[in-house]
Structure formats: structure tokens, C-alpha cells
C-alpha atoms as a PDB file:
ATOM      1  CA  MET A   1      13.952  17.741  17.629  1.00  0.00           C
ATOM      2  CA  ARG A   2      13.739  20.484  14.992  1.00  0.00           C
ATOM      3  CA  VAL A   3      14.645  24.136  14.870  1.00  0.00           C
ATOM      4  CA  SER A   4      11.735  26.562  14.791  1.00  0.00           C
ATOM      5  CA  GLU A   5       9.865  26.864  11.509  1.00  0.00           C
ATOM      6  CA  GLU A   6      11.131  30.417  11.067  1.00  0.00           C
ATOM      7  CA  ALA A   7      14.750  29.338  11.655  1.00  0.00           C
ATOM      8  CA  ALA A   8      14.353  26.400   9.257  1.00  0.00           C
ATOM      9  CA  TRP A   9      13.093  28.609   6.423  1.00  0.00           C
ATOM     10  CA  HIS A  10      15.793  31.176   7.074  1.00  0.00           C
ATOM     11  CA  PHE A  11      18.401  28.410   6.799  1.00  0.00           C
ATOM     12  CA  ILE A  12      16.867  27.232   3.521  1.00  0.00           C
ATOM     13  CA  ASP A  13      16.795  30.821   2.213  1.00  0.00           C
ATOM     14  CA  LEU A  14      20.545  31.062   2.890  1.00  0.00           C
ATOM     15  CA  TYR A  15      21.616  27.537   1.920  1.00  0.00           C
ATOM     16  CA  THR A  16      19.726  27.029  -1.348  1.00  0.00           C
ATOM     17  CA  PRO A  17      21.360  29.965  -3.194  1.00  0.00           C
ATOM     18  CA  LEU A  18      24.718  28.769  -1.843  1.00  0.00           C
ATOM     19  CA  LEU A  19      24.063  25.258  -3.224  1.00  0.00           C
ATOM     20  CA  TYR A  20      23.088  26.688  -6.607  1.00  0.00           C
ATOM     21  CA  TRP A  21      26.092  29.018  -6.727  1.00  0.00           C
ATOM     22  CA  ALA A  22      28.551  26.244  -5.745  1.00  0.00           C
ATOM     23  CA  GLY A  23      27.025  23.887  -8.305  1.00  0.00           C
ATOM     24  CA  ARG A  24      27.506  26.465 -11.037  1.00  0.00           C
ATOM     25  CA  GLU A  25      30.960  27.492  -9.769  1.00  0.00           C
ATOM     26  CA  ARG A  26      32.251  23.907  -9.794  1.00  0.00           C
ATOM     27  CA  GLY A  27      30.479  22.838 -13.001  1.00  0.00           C
ATOM     28  CA  VAL A  28      28.050  20.440 -11.341  1.00  0.00           C
ATOM     29  CA  LEU A  29      25.012  22.186 -12.851  1.00  0.00           C
ATOM     30  CA  PRO A  30      24.337  22.804 -16.527  1.00  0.00           C
ATOM     31  CA  ASP A  31      25.104  26.399 -17.567  1.00  0.00           C
ATOM     32  CA  ASN A  32      21.515  26.968 -18.664  1.00  0.00           C
ATOM     33  CA  MET A  33      19.872  25.813 -15.403  1.00  0.00           C
ATOM     34  CA  THR A  34      18.019  28.634 -13.660  1.00  0.00           C
ATOM     35  CA  PHE A  35      17.635  28.998  -9.912  1.00  0.00           C
ATOM     36  CA  ALA A  36      13.919  28.163 -10.261  1.00  0.00           C
ATOM     37  CA  GLN A  37      14.772  24.959 -12.125  1.00  0.00           C
ATOM     38  CA  PHE A  38      17.373  24.105  -9.501  1.00  0.00           C
ATOM     39  CA  GLY A  39      14.728  24.392  -6.791  1.00  0.00           C
ATOM     40  CA  LYS A  40      12.784  21.597  -8.484  1.00  0.00           C
ATOM     41  CA  THR A  41      15.747  19.259  -9.010  1.00  0.00           C
ATOM     42  CA  ASN A  42      16.230  15.994  -7.204  1.00  0.00           C
ATOM     43  CA  HIS A  43      17.934  15.384  -3.890  1.00  0.00           C
ATOM     44  CA  ALA A  44      20.960  13.679  -5.490  1.00  0.00           C
ATOM     45  CA  LEU A  45      21.861  16.709  -7.624  1.00  0.00           C
ATOM     46  CA  LYS A  46      21.489  19.043  -4.643  1.00  0.00           C
ATOM     47  CA  ALA A  47      23.767  16.724  -2.638  1.00  0.00           C
ATOM     48  CA  LYS A  48      26.405  16.986  -5.399  1.00  0.00           C
ATOM     49  CA  CYS A  49      26.129  20.772  -5.195  1.00  0.00           C
ATOM     50  CA  ARG A  50      26.477  20.542  -1.415  1.00  0.00           C
ATOM     51  CA  ASP A  51      29.637  18.478  -1.841  1.00  0.00           C
ATOM     52  CA  ALA A  52      30.904  21.151  -4.252  1.00  0.00           C
ATOM     53  CA  ILE A  53      30.709  23.701  -1.431  1.00  0.00           C
ATOM     54  CA  TYR A  54      33.177  21.767   0.733  1.00  0.00           C
ATOM     55  CA  THR A  55      35.319  19.675  -1.644  1.00  0.00           C
ATOM     56  CA  PRO A  56      38.175  19.929  -2.502  1.00  0.00           C
ATOM     57  CA  ARG A  57      38.206  23.090  -0.348  1.00  0.00           C
ATOM     58  CA  SER A  58      35.497  25.216   1.177  1.00  0.00           C
ATOM     59  CA  LEU A  59      33.947  27.854  -1.071  1.00  0.00           C
ATOM     60  CA  LEU A  60      32.203  29.706   1.750  1.00  0.00           C
ATOM     61  CA  ALA A  61      34.626  32.657   1.870  1.00  0.00           C
ATOM     62  CA  VAL A  62      34.576  32.882  -1.934  1.00  0.00           C
ATOM     63  CA  TYR A  63      30.767  32.915  -1.862  1.00  0.00           C
ATOM     64  CA  LEU A  64      30.747  35.730   0.689  1.00  0.00           C
ATOM     65  CA  ALA A  65      33.224  37.733  -1.376  1.00  0.00           C
ATOM     66  CA  ALA A  66      31.002  37.271  -4.442  1.00  0.00           C
ATOM     67  CA  HIS A  67      27.923  38.423  -2.492  1.00  0.00           C
ATOM     68  CA  PRO A  68      28.935  41.592  -0.620  1.00  0.00           C
ATOM     69  CA  ASP A  69      25.297  42.725  -0.418  1.00  0.00           C
ATOM     70  CA  LEU A  70      24.299  39.999   2.054  1.00  0.00           C
ATOM     71  CA  PRO A  71      23.116  41.380   5.406  1.00  0.00           C
ATOM     72  CA  ALA A  72      25.673  41.248   8.230  1.00  0.00           C
ATOM     73  CA  GLU A  73      23.667  38.661  10.190  1.00  0.00           C
ATOM     74  CA  ASP A  74      23.507  36.321   7.191  1.00  0.00           C
ATOM     75  CA  ARG A  75      27.222  36.816   6.525  1.00  0.00           C
ATOM     76  CA  ALA A  76      27.947  35.863  10.137  1.00  0.00           C
ATOM     77  CA  THR A  77      25.822  32.729   9.814  1.00  0.00           C
ATOM     78  CA  ILE A  78      27.573  31.645   6.618  1.00  0.00           C
ATOM     79  CA  THR A  79      30.987  32.457   8.098  1.00  0.00           C
ATOM     80  CA  ALA A  80      30.143  30.198  11.055  1.00  0.00           C
ATOM     81  CA  TRP A  81      29.498  27.357   8.602  1.00  0.00           C
ATOM     82  CA  GLU A  82      33.273  27.167   8.104  1.00  0.00           C
ATOM     83  CA  ARG A  83      33.118  25.047  11.271  1.00  0.00           C
ATOM     84  CA  TYR A  84      31.183  22.371   9.356  1.00  0.00           C
ATOM     85  CA  VAL A  85      31.637  18.641   9.925  1.00  0.00           C
ATOM     86  CA  LYS A  86      31.209  16.626   6.728  1.00  0.00           C
ATOM     87  CA  GLY A  87      31.329  12.872   6.681  1.00  0.00           C
ATOM     88  CA  THR A  88      29.764   9.569   7.523  1.00  0.00           C
ATOM     89  CA  PHE A  89      27.663   9.393  10.654  1.00  0.00           C
ATOM     90  CA  VAL A  90      25.578   6.841  12.464  1.00  0.00           C
ATOM     91  CA  ILE A  91      22.249   8.199  13.656  1.00  0.00           C
ATOM     92  CA  LEU A  92      22.153   6.350  16.954  1.00  0.00           C
ATOM     93  CA  ARG A  93      18.978   7.519  18.663  1.00  0.00           C
ATOM     94  CA  TYR A  94      16.324  10.180  18.874  1.00  0.00           C
ATOM     95  CA  LEU A  95      15.929  12.211  22.007  1.00  0.00           C
ATOM     96  CA  LYS A  96      13.347  14.870  22.786  1.00  0.00           C
ATOM     97  CA  LYS A  97      15.501  17.876  21.788  1.00  0.00           C
ATOM     98  CA  TYR A  98      17.864  16.347  19.213  1.00  0.00           C
ATOM     99  CA  ALA A  99      19.156  13.222  17.531  1.00  0.00           C
ATOM    100  CA  ILE A 100      22.486  11.648  18.411  1.00  0.00           C
ATOM    101  CA  PHE A 101      24.845  11.422  15.443  1.00  0.00           C
ATOM    102  CA  LEU A 102      28.050   9.442  15.972  1.00  0.00           C
ATOM    103  CA  GLY A 103      30.953  10.368  13.737  1.00  0.00           C
ATOM    104  CA  THR A 104      32.813   7.456  12.179  1.00  0.00           C
ATOM    105  CA  ASP A 105      36.224   9.154  12.204  1.00  0.00           C
ATOM    106  CA  GLU A 106      38.774   8.603  14.952  1.00  0.00           C
ATOM    107  CA  PRO A 107      38.422   9.626  17.659  1.00  0.00           C
ATOM    108  CA  PRO A 108      34.669   9.093  17.564  1.00  0.00           C
ATOM    109  CA  ARG A 109      32.508  12.060  18.515  1.00  0.00           C
ATOM    110  CA  ALA A 110      28.836  12.253  19.409  1.00  0.00           C
ATOM    111  CA  TYR A 111      26.833  15.246  18.148  1.00  0.00           C
ATOM    112  CA  ALA A 112      23.467  16.592  19.325  1.00  0.00           C
ATOM    113  CA  VAL A 113      21.793  17.448  16.014  1.00  0.00           C
ATOM    114  CA  ARG A 114      18.471  19.108  15.212  1.00  0.00           C
ATOM    115  CA  ALA A 115      16.586  18.783  11.957  1.00  0.00           C
ATOM    116  CA  LEU A 116      15.209  21.584   9.804  1.00  0.00           C
ATOM    117  CA  THR A 117      11.711  21.138   8.337  1.00  0.00           C
ATOM    118  CA  THR A 118      11.228  17.368   8.634  1.00  0.00           C
ATOM    119  CA  SER A 119      12.112  15.618  11.870  1.00  0.00           C
ATOM    120  CA  PHE A 120      14.616  12.797  11.626  1.00  0.00           C
ATOM    121  CA  ASP A 121      12.135  10.178  12.812  1.00  0.00           C
ATOM    122  CA  GLU A 122       9.909  11.048   9.839  1.00  0.00           C
ATOM    123  CA  MET A 123      12.835  10.510   7.452  1.00  0.00           C
ATOM    124  CA  ILE A 124      14.267   7.455   9.163  1.00  0.00           C
ATOM    125  CA  PRO A 125      11.888   5.548  11.434  1.00  0.00           C
ATOM    126  CA  PRO A 126      13.127   4.691  14.936  1.00  0.00           C
ATOM    127  CA  TYR A 127      13.040   0.958  14.205  1.00  0.00           C
ATOM    128  CA  ALA A 128      15.709   1.536  11.492  1.00  0.00           C
ATOM    129  CA  LEU A 129      18.233   2.864  14.026  1.00  0.00           C
ATOM    130  CA  PRO A 130      21.159   2.866  14.172  1.00  0.00           C
ATOM    131  CA  HIS A 131      21.337   4.204  10.628  1.00  0.00           C
ATOM    132  CA  MET A 132      24.482   5.091   8.677  1.00  0.00           C
ATOM    133  CA  CYS A 133      24.435   8.150   6.435  1.00  0.00           C
ATOM    134  CA  GLU A 134      26.530  10.844   4.774  1.00  0.00           C
ATOM    135  CA  THR A 135      25.697  14.470   5.511  1.00  0.00           C
ATOM    136  CA  VAL A 136      27.044  17.802   6.709  1.00  0.00           C
ATOM    137  CA  LEU A 137      26.574  19.198  10.200  1.00  0.00           C
ATOM    138  CA  LEU A 138      26.559  22.968  10.560  1.00  0.00           C
ATOM    139  CA  PRO A 139      26.434  25.419  13.459  1.00  0.00           C
ATOM    140  CA  TYR A 140      23.063  27.165  13.394  1.00  0.00           C
ATOM    141  CA  ASP A 141      20.473  28.599  15.770  1.00  0.00           C
ATOM    142  CA  ASP A 142      22.650  28.091  18.885  1.00  0.00           C
ATOM    143  CA  GLY A 143      23.216  24.414  18.120  1.00  0.00           C
ATOM    144  CA  ILE A 144      23.988  21.961  15.356  1.00  0.00           C
ATOM    145  CA  VAL A 145      21.781  21.165  12.376  1.00  0.00           C
ATOM    146  CA  CYS A 146      22.006  18.654   9.597  1.00  0.00           C
ATOM    147  CA  ASP A 147      21.895  20.444   6.233  1.00  0.00           C
ATOM    148  CA  GLY A 148      18.885  18.339   5.197  1.00  0.00           C
ATOM    149  CA  LEU A 149      20.708  16.397   2.484  1.00  0.00           C
ATOM    150  CA  ILE A 150      21.122  12.931   3.962  1.00  0.00           C
ATOM    151  CA  ALA A 151      22.490  10.134   1.797  1.00  0.00           C
ATOM    152  CA  SER A 152      21.601   6.855   3.487  1.00  0.00           C
ATOM    153  CA  GLN A 153      23.878   3.872   3.318  1.00  0.00           C
ATOM    154  CA  ASN A 154      22.242   0.476   3.178  1.00  0.00           C
ATOM    155  CA  LEU A 155      24.294  -1.174   5.859  1.00  0.00           C
ATOM    156  CA  VAL A 156      22.937  -3.480   8.514  1.00  0.00           C
ATOM    157  CA  ILE A 157      24.437  -2.755  11.902  1.00  0.00           C
ATOM    158  CA  GLY A 158      24.538  -5.914  14.009  1.00  0.00           C
ATOM    159  CA  SER A 159      23.761  -6.250  17.682  1.00  0.00           C
ATOM    160  CA  ASN A 160      27.426  -6.280  18.821  1.00  0.00           C
ATOM    161  CA  MET A 161      28.213  -3.129  16.859  1.00  0.00           C
ATOM    162  CA  ARG A 162      25.026  -1.477  18.159  1.00  0.00           C
ATOM    163  CA  ARG A 163      25.983  -2.368  21.724  1.00  0.00           C
ATOM    164  CA  ASN A 164      29.495  -0.926  21.223  1.00  0.00           C
ATOM    165  CA  MET A 165      28.114   2.292  19.712  1.00  0.00           C
ATOM    166  CA  ASN A 166      25.695   2.727  22.606  1.00  0.00           C
ATOM    167  CA  ALA A 167      28.505   2.115  25.102  1.00  0.00           C
ATOM    168  CA  ASP A 168      30.714   4.684  23.327  1.00  0.00           C
ATOM    169  CA  TYR A 169      27.882   7.228  23.368  1.00  0.00           C
ATOM    170  CA  GLN A 170      27.157   6.639  27.074  1.00  0.00           C
ATOM    171  CA  GLN A 171      30.852   7.048  27.896  1.00  0.00           C
ATOM    172  CA  MET A 172      31.052  10.327  25.936  1.00  0.00           C
ATOM    173  CA  LYS A 173      27.856  11.550  27.576  1.00  0.00           C
ATOM    174  CA  ARG A 174      29.145  10.790  31.089  1.00  0.00           C
ATOM    175  CA  ALA A 175      32.437  12.515  30.261  1.00  0.00           C
ATOM    176  CA  GLY A 176      30.579  15.637  29.076  1.00  0.00           C
ATOM    177  CA  GLN A 177      31.825  15.115  25.525  1.00  0.00           C
ATOM    178  CA  LEU A 178      28.490  15.344  23.705  1.00  0.00           C
ATOM    179  CA  VAL A 179      29.096  18.051  21.083  1.00  0.00           C
ATOM    180  CA  LYS A 180      26.186  20.509  21.158  1.00  0.00           C
ATOM    181  CA  THR A 181      27.808  23.382  19.255  1.00  0.00           C
ATOM    182  CA  LEU A 182      30.470  23.617  16.556  1.00  0.00           C
END
């Protein structure tokens, strides 16, 4: 349910400098914070930097313009991230190759999402599903990945809602509407 270890570390090598740059660009990080210090900061601060990438408008093109020395392959990967999906999702279930994330926007969409270094079931145990969270989904490694910054929402999803979500997912699956690439 994860990308390969090599792909995961390559993603991190691309995404972490982007987080740091966006945090500095949008004033989320203190001016005196170094990249090394940023690497040791908490998850919440990194999530704020992640939000700075996409809100109020995407900074991805600006980042690429500010970093013309990036290799062509890395530039293509970051350019593809313009197809991101940011929002609230319900992690519905874990399958062998990916987890099913249901978007909460209308119309609802089901995404086949792979993790990076830590599998989803290690972060959120199967008994806690369905689980509502905020994150960003990105095209990567011929599929969709979660950026690794998941903000959980403490919301209990009742049996009727669970049943409806499962029915929606099954209907999308039968209709061939499971989103596997962005």
C-alpha cells in the first residue's frame, strides 16, 4: 500500500525543500529558521507550510521559477503536482495496493491512494476506519500519494453513515469511477 522506498525518499527530497520555501515565502516560518531546523520541526508546522503551498493560490510555478537548476525530471514531477486535490477526506478502507479515500466535496469521489514511508494502517489502525482527515493528494509514481501530512479529525462516524459511504464507494467502483491517477 506504499510506493517503493526509493520513490518515497525521492518524494521527500522534492517536497521538504518546497515546504520550507513556501513557509518562508508566506511568512509561516521565522526568518532565522534554517532548513536543518525545519527538518526537526513538528508535524503541525510542516502542515501549515504545506497549506502555504496551495492557499490562497498555488505557489508551485513560482517555486519552479525560483529554482531553475532543478533537473527536468524533478521539474516535471513538481509541475504535475498542480493537479493536487486538497481537502477533507474519509479514509474508508485499506486494500492490498492502496487505501480508499473518499472526498467530502460534491460530487463525492473515491481515490486509490498509496502512502510514502509509513503505511496508512500503521498511522490509523483498521479498527478506527472510517477515519476523517485533512490532507493533500498528489500525482506521483504512476498513481496518487498522500503528502504524508495528515491532520486527523476526531469525529465518530456512525453505522448509517458508514453504510452509506460503503454503498457510495461500491457504486463508484462498479461504474469505473475509482480515481487512480490525477
